Amino acid sequence: MADLKKFENNPQKQLLENLKDVRCVMLGTPNQDKHMQPMSPQVDVENNEIYFYSDNTSELGQAVLEKPGFVHMCLVEKDYQACVKGYLITHKDRDTIEKFWSPVVAAWYPDGKSDSKLMMLRFVPHDAAIWASTGNPLKFAYEIAKANLTDGMPDLGDMKNVELDAA
């Protein structure tokens, strides 16, 4: 259930916290002709940074190596959705690779942290459109019934456009 008070007071931090708790987002490539792909975000909430392990031979890896650029990242949960625009670049810091390394990541790289295909991507968020609702099924039913009876619109949450450069 989305915390609507946090959504009102600090949507930037809430976004990073929600990203930290998900297994997968859809990440675009700088090549706009290619489809988004599922990726696991590695989020450093304290420093407002988002990283992804990738493969330098993959479509995404090749696109970023050829031309870093602006991409979209989408997060969709039951009561929280976000579309984030940011800059995607390669990130060669070994400390970052070490910081987020796990058995799950290791499964993708047979030669470990020194695997020749391993690359780290850094997503620098610029701005986002975020939607949040309570996820309460009773509130949902009430709002739908009220809207149908009054010809009004249901109030199921809120939407914000936020700048993330200085989050």
Protein backbone atom coordinates (compact mmCIF):
# COMPACT_ATOMS: atom_id res chain seq x y z
CA MET A 1 0.00 0.00 0.00
CA ALA A 2 1.47 3.37 -1.01
CA ASP A 3 2.07 5.82 1.81
CA LEU A 4 0.12 8.86 0.57
CA LYS A 5 1.61 11.16 3.24
CA LYS A 6 5.11 10.29 2.08
CA PHE A 7 3.89 10.75 -1.50
CA GLU A 8 2.79 14.30 -0.61
CA ASN A 9 5.83 15.23 1.48
CA ASN A 10 8.76 13.55 -0.27
CA PRO A 11 7.81 11.74 -3.49
CA GLN A 12 11.45 11.63 -4.62
CA LYS A 13 12.57 9.61 -1.60
CA GLN A 14 9.47 7.41 -1.77
CA LEU A 15 10.31 6.59 -5.39
CA LEU A 16 13.83 5.48 -4.48
CA GLU A 17 12.54 3.43 -1.53
CA ASN A 18 9.96 1.72 -3.75
CA LEU A 19 12.60 0.99 -6.39
CA LYS A 20 14.83 -0.56 -3.72
CA ASP A 21 12.07 -3.01 -2.82
CA VAL A 22 11.29 -4.26 -6.34
CA ARG A 23 12.91 -7.10 -8.20
CA CYS A 24 12.40 -5.67 -11.64
CA VAL A 25 11.69 -2.50 -13.61
CA MET A 26 11.42 -1.95 -17.34
CA LEU A 27 14.43 0.00 -18.61
CA GLY A 28 14.69 1.66 -22.00
CA THR A 29 17.77 1.99 -24.14
CA PRO A 30 19.31 5.09 -25.71
CA ASN A 31 18.35 3.51 -29.05
CA GLN A 32 14.68 4.52 -29.22
CA ASP A 33 13.98 1.86 -31.89
CA LYS A 34 14.52 -0.90 -29.32
CA HIS A 35 12.08 -2.13 -26.69
CA MET A 36 12.42 -1.64 -22.96
CA GLN A 37 13.72 -4.64 -21.07
CA PRO A 38 13.39 -6.01 -17.55
CA MET A 39 16.28 -5.08 -15.28
CA SER A 40 16.91 -5.28 -11.53
CA PRO A 41 17.65 -1.90 -9.99
CA GLN A 42 20.41 -1.58 -7.41
CA VAL A 43 19.38 1.47 -5.40
CA ASP A 44 21.45 3.57 -3.05
CA VAL A 45 18.69 5.61 -1.37
CA GLU A 46 21.11 7.70 0.71
CA ASN A 47 22.98 8.92 -2.39
CA ASN A 48 19.99 9.03 -4.78
CA GLU A 49 21.69 6.64 -7.20
CA ILE A 50 20.35 3.75 -9.30
CA TYR A 51 22.58 1.12 -10.89
CA PHE A 52 22.05 -1.92 -13.07
CA TYR A 53 24.30 -4.88 -13.77
CA SER A 54 24.35 -5.55 -17.49
CA ASP A 55 26.18 -7.52 -20.14
CA ASN A 56 28.37 -5.64 -22.60
CA THR A 57 27.30 -8.02 -25.39
CA SER A 58 23.56 -7.51 -24.80
CA GLU A 59 21.39 -5.19 -26.86
CA LEU A 60 21.15 -2.77 -23.93
CA GLY A 61 24.86 -2.95 -23.13
CA GLN A 62 25.81 -2.34 -26.75
CA ALA A 63 23.40 0.60 -27.05
CA VAL A 64 24.84 2.32 -23.96
CA LEU A 65 28.43 1.69 -25.06
CA GLU A 66 27.67 3.15 -28.50
CA LYS A 67 25.71 6.16 -27.34
CA PRO A 68 24.83 6.88 -23.70
CA GLY A 69 21.68 8.94 -23.44
CA PHE A 70 18.27 9.65 -22.02
CA VAL A 71 16.03 6.64 -21.40
CA HIS A 72 12.81 5.87 -19.55
CA MET A 73 12.49 3.48 -16.63
CA CYS A 74 9.04 2.24 -15.58
CA LEU A 75 7.93 0.81 -12.26
CA VAL A 76 4.46 -0.71 -11.99
CA GLU A 77 3.06 -2.03 -8.73
CA LYS A 78 -0.52 -2.54 -7.54
CA ASP A 79 -0.84 0.91 -5.94
CA TYR A 80 2.27 2.73 -7.15
CA GLN A 81 3.44 3.50 -10.68
CA ALA A 82 6.28 5.64 -11.95
CA CYS A 83 7.80 6.59 -15.28
CA VAL A 84 11.26 8.05 -14.73
CA LYS A 85 13.35 9.81 -17.35
CA GLY A 86 17.08 9.85 -16.81
CA TYR A 87 20.51 9.54 -18.35
CA LEU A 88 21.98 6.04 -18.73
CA ILE A 89 25.76 5.69 -18.81
CA THR A 90 28.41 3.07 -18.11
CA HIS A 91 29.87 3.09 -14.61
CA LYS A 92 33.29 1.52 -14.09
CA ASP A 93 33.69 1.94 -10.33
CA ARG A 94 34.70 -1.44 -8.86
CA ASP A 95 33.43 -0.38 -5.40
CA THR A 96 29.90 -0.06 -6.80
CA ILE A 97 30.10 -3.53 -8.35
CA GLU A 98 31.25 -4.87 -4.98
CA LYS A 99 28.63 -2.96 -3.00
CA PHE A 100 25.64 -4.54 -4.76
CA TRP A 101 27.13 -7.97 -5.55
CA SER A 102 24.99 -10.91 -4.42
CA PRO A 103 24.47 -14.60 -5.19
CA VAL A 104 21.65 -13.60 -7.54
CA VAL A 105 23.96 -11.31 -9.53
CA ALA A 106 26.73 -13.93 -9.47
CA ALA A 107 24.41 -16.40 -11.21
CA TRP A 108 24.55 -14.23 -14.35
CA TYR A 109 28.35 -13.91 -14.41
CA PRO A 110 30.20 -17.27 -14.34
CA ASP A 111 33.60 -15.57 -13.89
CA GLY A 112 32.36 -13.47 -10.99
CA LYS A 113 33.17 -9.79 -10.56
CA SER A 114 35.95 -10.06 -13.15
CA ASP A 115 33.68 -11.55 -15.86
CA SER A 116 34.61 -9.95 -19.19
CA LYS A 117 30.93 -9.38 -20.06
CA LEU A 118 30.05 -7.65 -16.78
CA MET A 119 29.26 -3.99 -16.99
CA MET A 120 27.61 -1.63 -14.52
CA LEU A 121 25.19 1.01 -15.74
CA ARG A 122 24.36 4.16 -13.83
CA PHE A 123 20.92 5.69 -14.24
CA VAL A 124 20.92 9.39 -13.35
CA PRO A 125 17.27 10.33 -12.77
CA HIS A 126 16.07 13.64 -14.18
CA ASP A 127 12.30 13.74 -13.67
CA ALA A 128 9.36 11.42 -13.11
CA ALA A 129 5.62 11.09 -13.34
CA ILE A 130 4.38 9.18 -10.29
CA TRP A 131 0.94 7.81 -9.40
CA ALA A 132 0.01 6.50 -5.96
CA SER A 133 -3.16 5.16 -4.36
CA THR A 134 -4.03 3.56 -1.05
CA GLY A 135 -4.64 0.11 -2.51
CA ASN A 136 -7.52 -0.27 -0.06
CA PRO A 137 -10.19 -2.47 -1.73
CA LEU A 138 -13.00 -0.92 0.33
CA LYS A 139 -12.01 2.60 -0.70
CA PHE A 140 -11.79 1.42 -4.31
CA ALA A 141 -15.30 -0.07 -4.19
CA TYR A 142 -16.71 3.03 -2.48
CA GLU A 143 -15.13 5.42 -5.01
CA ILE A 144 -16.34 3.37 -8.00
CA ALA A 145 -19.88 3.17 -6.60
CA LYS A 146 -19.89 6.90 -5.77
CA ALA A 147 -18.65 7.80 -9.26
CA ASN A 148 -21.32 5.65 -10.91
CA LEU A 149 -24.08 7.12 -8.75
CA THR A 150 -23.02 10.75 -9.16
CA ASP A 151 -21.54 10.68 -12.66
CA GLY A 152 -18.35 12.00 -11.02
CA MET A 153 -14.83 10.64 -11.19
CA PRO A 154 -13.47 8.22 -8.58
CA ASP A 155 -10.77 9.57 -6.25
CA LEU A 156 -8.34 6.68 -6.07
CA GLY A 157 -5.07 8.45 -5.46
CA ASP A 158 -2.86 11.19 -6.80
CA MET A 159 -0.35 11.95 -9.53
CA LYS A 160 2.74 14.14 -9.39
CA ASN A 161 5.41 15.29 -11.80
CA VAL A 162 8.65 15.66 -9.87
CA GLU A 163 12.17 16.83 -10.61
CA LEU A 164 14.81 14.38 -9.44
CA ASP A 165 18.09 16.10 -10.34
CA ALA A 166 18.43 17.53 -6.87
CA ALA A 167 16.54 14.77 -5.05
